[in-house]
Amino acid sequence: FELAAMRACMVCNPYEGIETWFEPEKELIVVHSTDEAIERYTWLLEHESARHAIAQAAHERFLKEHTYRHRARQFVEMVRPYL
């Protein structure tokens, strides 16, 4: 979430549940191999506007769903039944 908060374009390996946090290809780039990572990084460096658009989309999603305030609310909702 730190990269999205800083408006950085995220490139990551696939892992279960990633699509619940960010939309692949719109808000981050998922790569499956070293060769694919090199291709995608090269493409991102050559396409500045696309890189910034992906970073901005992730940043907006971060602000809408993934701040400390959101996590605090989720925590309160989880523990409220036990209070």
PDB file of N, CA and C in Angstrom:
ATOM      1  N   PHE A   1       0.811  -1.198   0.000  1.00  0.00           N
ATOM      2  CA  PHE A   1       0.000   0.000   0.000  1.00  0.00           C
ATOM      3  C   PHE A   1       0.853   1.260   0.000  1.00  0.00           C
ATOM      4  N   GLU A   2       2.096   1.141   0.457  1.00  0.00           N
ATOM      5  CA  GLU A   2       2.972   2.309   0.517  1.00  0.00           C
ATOM      6  C   GLU A   2       3.239   2.870  -0.872  1.00  0.00           C
ATOM      7  N   LEU A   3       3.448   2.008  -1.842  1.00  0.00           N
ATOM      8  CA  LEU A   3       3.715   2.485  -3.201  1.00  0.00           C
ATOM      9  C   LEU A   3       2.504   3.202  -3.778  1.00  0.00           C
ATOM     10  N   ALA A   4       1.326   2.663  -3.554  1.00  0.00           N
ATOM     11  CA  ALA A   4       0.116   3.332  -4.033  1.00  0.00           C
ATOM     12  C   ALA A   4      -0.058   4.679  -3.344  1.00  0.00           C
ATOM     13  N   ALA A   5       0.253   4.746  -2.069  1.00  0.00           N
ATOM     14  CA  ALA A   5       0.143   6.006  -1.332  1.00  0.00           C
ATOM     15  C   ALA A   5       1.073   7.062  -1.915  1.00  0.00           C
ATOM     16  N   MET A   6       2.221   6.630  -2.442  1.00  0.00           N
ATOM     17  CA  MET A   6       3.206   7.563  -2.990  1.00  0.00           C
ATOM     18  C   MET A   6       3.017   7.805  -4.489  1.00  0.00           C
ATOM     19  N   ARG A   7       1.938   7.283  -5.052  1.00  0.00           N
ATOM     20  CA  ARG A   7       1.661   7.402  -6.486  1.00  0.00           C
ATOM     21  C   ARG A   7       2.757   6.765  -7.348  1.00  0.00           C
ATOM     22  N   ALA A   8       3.261   5.641  -6.889  1.00  0.00           N
ATOM     23  CA  ALA A   8       4.251   4.893  -7.665  1.00  0.00           C
ATOM     24  C   ALA A   8       3.542   3.774  -8.424  1.00  0.00           C
ATOM     25  N   CYS A   9       4.008   3.484  -9.601  1.00  0.00           N
ATOM     26  CA  CYS A   9       3.452   2.396 -10.392  1.00  0.00           C
ATOM     27  C   CYS A   9       3.961   1.074  -9.821  1.00  0.00           C
ATOM     28  N   MET A  10       3.049   0.217  -9.442  1.00  0.00           N
ATOM     29  CA  MET A  10       3.421  -1.039  -8.800  1.00  0.00           C
ATOM     30  C   MET A  10       3.552  -2.168  -9.817  1.00  0.00           C
ATOM     31  N   VAL A  11       4.635  -2.924  -9.683  1.00  0.00           N
ATOM     32  CA  VAL A  11       4.865  -4.135 -10.463  1.00  0.00           C
ATOM     33  C   VAL A  11       5.151  -5.230  -9.446  1.00  0.00           C
ATOM     34  N   CYS A  12       4.406  -6.336  -9.522  1.00  0.00           N
ATOM     35  CA  CYS A  12       4.580  -7.375  -8.505  1.00  0.00           C
ATOM     36  C   CYS A  12       4.370  -8.761  -9.100  1.00  0.00           C
ATOM     37  N   ASN A  13       4.761  -9.741  -8.329  1.00  0.00           N
ATOM     38  CA  ASN A  13       4.499 -11.134  -8.672  1.00  0.00           C
ATOM     39  C   ASN A  13       3.051 -11.447  -8.325  1.00  0.00           C
ATOM     40  N   PRO A  14       2.473 -12.462  -8.965  1.00  0.00           N
ATOM     41  CA  PRO A  14       1.097 -12.825  -8.631  1.00  0.00           C
ATOM     42  C   PRO A  14       1.023 -13.462  -7.247  1.00  0.00           C
ATOM     43  N   TYR A  15      -0.036 -13.174  -6.546  1.00  0.00           N
ATOM     44  CA  TYR A  15      -0.310 -13.874  -5.298  1.00  0.00           C
ATOM     45  C   TYR A  15      -1.806 -13.863  -5.059  1.00  0.00           C
ATOM     46  N   GLU A  16      -2.260 -14.858  -4.328  1.00  0.00           N
ATOM     47  CA  GLU A  16      -3.688 -15.053  -4.115  1.00  0.00           C
ATOM     48  C   GLU A  16      -4.309 -13.844  -3.433  1.00  0.00           C
ATOM     49  N   GLY A  17      -5.383 -13.364  -3.988  1.00  0.00           N
ATOM     50  CA  GLY A  17      -6.126 -12.273  -3.384  1.00  0.00           C
ATOM     51  C   GLY A  17      -5.715 -10.885  -3.816  1.00  0.00           C
ATOM     52  N   ILE A  18      -4.719 -10.765  -4.661  1.00  0.00           N
ATOM     53  CA  ILE A  18      -4.244  -9.437  -5.056  1.00  0.00           C
ATOM     54  C   ILE A  18      -5.365  -8.599  -5.671  1.00  0.00           C
ATOM     55  N   GLU A  19      -6.256  -9.264  -6.390  1.00  0.00           N
ATOM     56  CA  GLU A  19      -7.330  -8.533  -7.065  1.00  0.00           C
ATOM     57  C   GLU A  19      -8.361  -7.973  -6.087  1.00  0.00           C
ATOM     58  N   THR A  20      -8.320  -8.397  -4.831  1.00  0.00           N
ATOM     59  CA  THR A  20      -9.227  -7.803  -3.845  1.00  0.00           C
ATOM     60  C   THR A  20      -8.733  -6.433  -3.397  1.00  0.00           C
ATOM     61  N   TRP A  21      -7.446  -6.165  -3.597  1.00  0.00           N
ATOM     62  CA  TRP A  21      -6.882  -4.880  -3.180  1.00  0.00           C
ATOM     63  C   TRP A  21      -6.713  -3.920  -4.341  1.00  0.00           C
ATOM     64  N   PHE A  22      -6.214  -4.436  -5.470  1.00  0.00           N
ATOM     65  CA  PHE A  22      -5.979  -3.606  -6.646  1.00  0.00           C
ATOM     66  C   PHE A  22      -6.317  -4.399  -7.902  1.00  0.00           C
ATOM     67  N   GLU A  23      -6.784  -3.688  -8.925  1.00  0.00           N
ATOM     68  CA  GLU A  23      -7.160  -4.341 -10.171  1.00  0.00           C
ATOM     69  C   GLU A  23      -5.936  -4.488 -11.078  1.00  0.00           C
ATOM     70  N   PRO A  24      -5.530  -5.738 -11.355  1.00  0.00           N
ATOM     71  CA  PRO A  24      -4.380  -5.945 -12.235  1.00  0.00           C
ATOM     72  C   PRO A  24      -4.598  -5.299 -13.607  1.00  0.00           C
ATOM     73  N   GLU A  25      -3.531  -4.739 -14.126  1.00  0.00           N
ATOM     74  CA  GLU A  25      -3.459  -4.057 -15.412  1.00  0.00           C
ATOM     75  C   GLU A  25      -4.098  -2.671 -15.393  1.00  0.00           C
ATOM     76  N   LYS A  26      -4.888  -2.366 -14.390  1.00  0.00           N
ATOM     77  CA  LYS A  26      -5.446  -1.013 -14.267  1.00  0.00           C
ATOM     78  C   LYS A  26      -4.771  -0.248 -13.131  1.00  0.00           C
ATOM     79  N   GLU A  27      -4.546  -0.932 -12.008  1.00  0.00           N
ATOM     80  CA  GLU A  27      -3.991  -0.274 -10.828  1.00  0.00           C
ATOM     81  C   GLU A  27      -2.609  -0.809 -10.448  1.00  0.00           C
ATOM     82  N   LEU A  28      -2.202  -1.893 -11.042  1.00  0.00           N
ATOM     83  CA  LEU A  28      -0.865  -2.443 -10.856  1.00  0.00           C
ATOM     84  C   LEU A  28      -0.579  -3.436 -11.966  1.00  0.00           C
ATOM     85  N   ILE A  29       0.682  -3.763 -12.130  1.00  0.00           N
ATOM     86  CA  ILE A  29       1.111  -4.716 -13.154  1.00  0.00           C
ATOM     87  C   ILE A  29       1.578  -5.984 -12.449  1.00  0.00           C
ATOM     88  N   VAL A  30       1.080  -7.128 -12.896  1.00  0.00           N
ATOM     89  CA  VAL A  30       1.482  -8.422 -12.344  1.00  0.00           C
ATOM     90  C   VAL A  30       2.349  -9.125 -13.384  1.00  0.00           C
ATOM     91  N   VAL A  31       3.515  -9.587 -12.947  1.00  0.00           N
ATOM     92  CA  VAL A  31       4.429 -10.299 -13.852  1.00  0.00           C
ATOM     93  C   VAL A  31       4.662 -11.715 -13.332  1.00  0.00           C
ATOM     94  N   HIS A  32       4.857 -12.631 -14.265  1.00  0.00           N
ATOM     95  CA  HIS A  32       4.988 -14.040 -13.908  1.00  0.00           C
ATOM     96  C   HIS A  32       6.387 -14.603 -14.097  1.00  0.00           C
ATOM     97  N   SER A  33       7.293 -13.804 -14.628  1.00  0.00           N
ATOM     98  CA  SER A  33       8.660 -14.288 -14.851  1.00  0.00           C
ATOM     99  C   SER A  33       9.614 -13.102 -14.917  1.00  0.00           C
ATOM    100  N   THR A  34      10.889 -13.394 -14.845  1.00  0.00           N
ATOM    101  CA  THR A  34      11.903 -12.347 -14.966  1.00  0.00           C
ATOM    102  C   THR A  34      11.835 -11.692 -16.338  1.00  0.00           C
ATOM    103  N   ASP A  35      11.680 -12.498 -17.375  1.00  0.00           N
ATOM    104  CA  ASP A  35      11.595 -11.943 -18.727  1.00  0.00           C
ATOM    105  C   ASP A  35      10.388 -11.019 -18.873  1.00  0.00           C
ATOM    106  N   GLU A  36       9.254 -11.438 -18.326  1.00  0.00           N
ATOM    107  CA  GLU A  36       8.069 -10.590 -18.391  1.00  0.00           C
ATOM    108  C   GLU A  36       8.284  -9.306 -17.599  1.00  0.00           C
ATOM    109  N   ALA A  37       8.939  -9.402 -16.468  1.00  0.00           N
ATOM    110  CA  ALA A  37       9.217  -8.202 -15.672  1.00  0.00           C
ATOM    111  C   ALA A  37      10.068  -7.217 -16.463  1.00  0.00           C
ATOM    112  N   ILE A  38      11.090  -7.715 -17.128  1.00  0.00           N
ATOM    113  CA  ILE A  38      11.946  -6.844 -17.939  1.00  0.00           C
ATOM    114  C   ILE A  38      11.131  -6.179 -19.048  1.00  0.00           C
ATOM    115  N   GLU A  39      10.288  -6.968 -19.716  1.00  0.00           N
ATOM    116  CA  GLU A  39       9.437  -6.420 -20.780  1.00  0.00           C
ATOM    117  C   GLU A  39       8.504  -5.340 -20.242  1.00  0.00           C
ATOM    118  N   ARG A  40       7.869  -5.629 -19.112  1.00  0.00           N
ATOM    119  CA  ARG A  40       6.896  -4.671 -18.567  1.00  0.00           C
ATOM    120  C   ARG A  40       7.574  -3.412 -18.050  1.00  0.00           C
ATOM    121  N   TYR A  41       8.716  -3.548 -17.359  1.00  0.00           N
ATOM    122  CA  TYR A  41       9.452  -2.366 -16.896  1.00  0.00           C
ATOM    123  C   TYR A  41       9.912  -1.524 -18.083  1.00  0.00           C
ATOM    124  N   THR A  42      10.400  -2.171 -19.118  1.00  0.00           N
ATOM    125  CA  THR A  42      10.832  -1.439 -20.316  1.00  0.00           C
ATOM    126  C   THR A  42       9.658  -0.683 -20.921  1.00  0.00           C
ATOM    127  N   TRP A  43       8.526  -1.359 -21.049  1.00  0.00           N
ATOM    128  CA  TRP A  43       7.332  -0.723 -21.601  1.00  0.00           C
ATOM    129  C   TRP A  43       6.900   0.463 -20.739  1.00  0.00           C
ATOM    130  N   LEU A  44       6.873   0.269 -19.430  1.00  0.00           N
ATOM    131  CA  LEU A  44       6.469   1.353 -18.529  1.00  0.00           C
ATOM    132  C   LEU A  44       7.405   2.553 -18.630  1.00  0.00           C
ATOM    133  N   LEU A  45       8.692   2.299 -18.767  1.00  0.00           N
ATOM    134  CA  LEU A  45       9.645   3.402 -18.909  1.00  0.00           C
ATOM    135  C   LEU A  45       9.456   4.150 -20.224  1.00  0.00           C
ATOM    136  N   GLU A  46       9.007   3.442 -21.245  1.00  0.00           N
ATOM    137  CA  GLU A  46       8.787   4.064 -22.554  1.00  0.00           C
ATOM    138  C   GLU A  46       7.424   4.738 -22.669  1.00  0.00           C
ATOM    139  N   HIS A  47       6.506   4.445 -21.771  1.00  0.00           N
ATOM    140  CA  HIS A  47       5.138   4.972 -21.833  1.00  0.00           C
ATOM    141  C   HIS A  47       4.800   5.696 -20.527  1.00  0.00           C
ATOM    142  N   GLU A  48       5.347   6.869 -20.394  1.00  0.00           N
ATOM    143  CA  GLU A  48       5.215   7.635 -19.154  1.00  0.00           C
ATOM    144  C   GLU A  48       3.761   7.918 -18.789  1.00  0.00           C
ATOM    145  N   SER A  49       2.936   8.284 -19.759  1.00  0.00           N
ATOM    146  CA  SER A  49       1.546   8.618 -19.433  1.00  0.00           C
ATOM    147  C   SER A  49       0.791   7.391 -18.923  1.00  0.00           C
ATOM    148  N   ALA A  50       1.044   6.225 -19.504  1.00  0.00           N
ATOM    149  CA  ALA A  50       0.400   4.997 -19.023  1.00  0.00           C
ATOM    150  C   ALA A  50       0.884   4.656 -17.624  1.00  0.00           C
ATOM    151  N   ARG A  51       2.185   4.804 -17.397  1.00  0.00           N
ATOM    152  CA  ARG A  51       2.754   4.541 -16.070  1.00  0.00           C
ATOM    153  C   ARG A  51       2.108   5.443 -15.026  1.00  0.00           C
ATOM    154  N   HIS A  52       1.966   6.718 -15.353  1.00  0.00           N
ATOM    155  CA  HIS A  52       1.349   7.648 -14.408  1.00  0.00           C
ATOM    156  C   HIS A  52      -0.141   7.348 -14.206  1.00  0.00           C
ATOM    157  N   ALA A  53      -0.821   6.924 -15.255  1.00  0.00           N
ATOM    158  CA  ALA A  53      -2.245   6.591 -15.134  1.00  0.00           C
ATOM    159  C   ALA A  53      -2.451   5.391 -14.213  1.00  0.00           C
ATOM    160  N   ILE A  54      -1.609   4.376 -14.347  1.00  0.00           N
ATOM    161  CA  ILE A  54      -1.700   3.198 -13.475  1.00  0.00           C
ATOM    162  C   ILE A  54      -1.420   3.600 -12.030  1.00  0.00           C
ATOM    163  N   ALA A  55      -0.385   4.396 -11.838  1.00  0.00           N
ATOM    164  CA  ALA A  55      -0.037   4.851 -10.489  1.00  0.00           C
ATOM    165  C   ALA A  55      -1.157   5.687  -9.886  1.00  0.00           C
ATOM    166  N   GLN A  56      -1.751   6.567 -10.679  1.00  0.00           N
ATOM    167  CA  GLN A  56      -2.834   7.417 -10.182  1.00  0.00           C
ATOM    168  C   GLN A  56      -4.064   6.591  -9.829  1.00  0.00           C
ATOM    169  N   ALA A  57      -4.382   5.602 -10.661  1.00  0.00           N
ATOM    170  CA  ALA A  57      -5.532   4.734 -10.370  1.00  0.00           C
ATOM    171  C   ALA A  57      -5.329   3.986  -9.056  1.00  0.00           C
ATOM    172  N   ALA A  58      -4.117   3.490  -8.828  1.00  0.00           N
ATOM    173  CA  ALA A  58      -3.821   2.795  -7.571  1.00  0.00           C
ATOM    174  C   ALA A  58      -3.901   3.757  -6.395  1.00  0.00           C
ATOM    175  N   HIS A  59      -3.414   4.968  -6.585  1.00  0.00           N
ATOM    176  CA  HIS A  59      -3.457   5.970  -5.516  1.00  0.00           C
ATOM    177  C   HIS A  59      -4.907   6.296  -5.145  1.00  0.00           C
ATOM    178  N   GLU A  60      -5.749   6.464  -6.136  1.00  0.00           N
ATOM    179  CA  GLU A  60      -7.163   6.755  -5.872  1.00  0.00           C
ATOM    180  C   GLU A  60      -7.830   5.600  -5.137  1.00  0.00           C
ATOM    181  N   ARG A  61      -7.514   4.377  -5.531  1.00  0.00           N
ATOM    182  CA  ARG A  61      -8.075   3.207  -4.839  1.00  0.00           C
ATOM    183  C   ARG A  61      -7.577   3.157  -3.402  1.00  0.00           C
ATOM    184  N   PHE A  62      -6.290   3.448  -3.220  1.00  0.00           N
ATOM    185  CA  PHE A  62      -5.713   3.496  -1.878  1.00  0.00           C
ATOM    186  C   PHE A  62      -6.481   4.489  -1.007  1.00  0.00           C
ATOM    187  N   LEU A  63      -6.694   5.693  -1.504  1.00  0.00           N
ATOM    188  CA  LEU A  63      -7.396   6.716  -0.721  1.00  0.00           C
ATOM    189  C   LEU A  63      -8.839   6.316  -0.430  1.00  0.00           C
ATOM    190  N   LYS A  64      -9.454   5.594  -1.352  1.00  0.00           N
ATOM    191  CA  LYS A  64     -10.855   5.200  -1.204  1.00  0.00           C
ATOM    192  C   LYS A  64     -11.049   3.999  -0.283  1.00  0.00           C
ATOM    193  N   GLU A  65     -10.038   3.095  -0.216  1.00  0.00           N
ATOM    194  CA  GLU A  65     -10.267   1.823   0.479  1.00  0.00           C
ATOM    195  C   GLU A  65      -9.173   1.351   1.428  1.00  0.00           C
ATOM    196  N   HIS A  66      -7.981   1.939   1.388  1.00  0.00           N
ATOM    197  CA  HIS A  66      -6.860   1.299   2.073  1.00  0.00           C
ATOM    198  C   HIS A  66      -6.044   2.201   2.995  1.00  0.00           C
ATOM    199  N   THR A  67      -6.642   3.206   3.582  1.00  0.00           N
ATOM    200  CA  THR A  67      -5.886   4.054   4.506  1.00  0.00           C
ATOM    201  C   THR A  67      -5.947   3.467   5.921  1.00  0.00           C
ATOM    202  N   TYR A  68      -5.176   4.054   6.817  1.00  0.00           N
ATOM    203  CA  TYR A  68      -5.222   3.612   8.219  1.00  0.00           C
ATOM    204  C   TYR A  68      -6.623   3.778   8.793  1.00  0.00           C
ATOM    205  N   ARG A  69      -7.311   4.806   8.370  1.00  0.00           N
ATOM    206  CA  ARG A  69      -8.686   5.024   8.837  1.00  0.00           C
ATOM    207  C   ARG A  69      -9.578   3.848   8.443  1.00  0.00           C
ATOM    208  N   HIS A  70      -9.425   3.374   7.216  1.00  0.00           N
ATOM    209  CA  HIS A  70     -10.210   2.208   6.780  1.00  0.00           C
ATOM    210  C   HIS A  70      -9.881   0.979   7.625  1.00  0.00           C
ATOM    211  N   ARG A  71      -8.604   0.757   7.871  1.00  0.00           N
ATOM    212  CA  ARG A  71      -8.210  -0.406   8.663  1.00  0.00           C
ATOM    213  C   ARG A  71      -8.700  -0.284  10.106  1.00  0.00           C
ATOM    214  N   ALA A  72      -8.675   0.907  10.661  1.00  0.00           N
ATOM    215  CA  ALA A  72      -9.170   1.104  12.028  1.00  0.00           C
ATOM    216  C   ALA A  72     -10.660   0.791  12.095  1.00  0.00           C
ATOM    217  N   ARG A  73     -11.412   1.238  11.101  1.00  0.00           N
ATOM    218  CA  ARG A  73     -12.851   0.932  11.071  1.00  0.00           C
ATOM    219  C   ARG A  73     -13.083  -0.569  10.977  1.00  0.00           C
ATOM    220  N   GLN A  74     -12.306  -1.233  10.123  1.00  0.00           N
ATOM    221  CA  GLN A  74     -12.447  -2.684   9.996  1.00  0.00           C
ATOM    222  C   GLN A  74     -12.139  -3.380  11.318  1.00  0.00           C
ATOM    223  N   PHE A  75     -11.116  -2.916  12.000  1.00  0.00           N
ATOM    224  CA  PHE A  75     -10.747  -3.499  13.286  1.00  0.00           C
ATOM    225  C   PHE A  75     -11.878  -3.324  14.300  1.00  0.00           C
ATOM    226  N   VAL A  76     -12.425  -2.127  14.380  1.00  0.00           N
ATOM    227  CA  VAL A  76     -13.525  -1.861  15.318  1.00  0.00           C
ATOM    228  C   VAL A  76     -14.714  -2.754  14.994  1.00  0.00           C
ATOM    229  N   GLU A  77     -15.037  -2.901  13.722  1.00  0.00           N
ATOM    230  CA  GLU A  77     -16.154  -3.765  13.331  1.00  0.00           C
ATOM    231  C   GLU A  77     -15.905  -5.224  13.723  1.00  0.00           C
ATOM    232  N   MET A  78     -14.649  -5.660  13.640  1.00  0.00           N
ATOM    233  CA  MET A  78     -14.331  -7.044  13.998  1.00  0.00           C
ATOM    234  C   MET A  78     -14.421  -7.281  15.501  1.00  0.00           C
ATOM    235  N   VAL A  79     -13.996  -6.319  16.315  1.00  0.00           N
ATOM    236  CA  VAL A  79     -13.965  -6.547  17.761  1.00  0.00           C
ATOM    237  C   VAL A  79     -15.240  -6.105  18.466  1.00  0.00           C
ATOM    238  N   ARG A  80     -16.051  -5.291  17.815  1.00  0.00           N
ATOM    239  CA  ARG A  80     -17.278  -4.782  18.442  1.00  0.00           C
ATOM    240  C   ARG A  80     -18.150  -5.888  19.040  1.00  0.00           C
ATOM    241  N   PRO A  81     -18.364  -7.024  18.364  1.00  0.00           N
ATOM    242  CA  PRO A  81     -19.204  -8.072  18.956  1.00  0.00           C
ATOM    243  C   PRO A  81     -18.657  -8.626  20.274  1.00  0.00           C
ATOM    244  N   TYR A  82     -17.382  -8.435  20.531  1.00  0.00           N
ATOM    245  CA  TYR A  82     -16.764  -8.983  21.732  1.00  0.00           C
ATOM    246  C   TYR A  82     -16.670  -7.975  22.867  1.00  0.00           C
ATOM    247  N   LEU A  83     -17.137  -6.766  22.618  1.00  0.00           N
ATOM    248  CA  LEU A  83     -17.057  -5.731  23.655  1.00  0.00           C
ATOM    249  C   LEU A  83     -18.287  -5.719  24.526  1.00  0.00           C
TER     250      LEU A  83
END
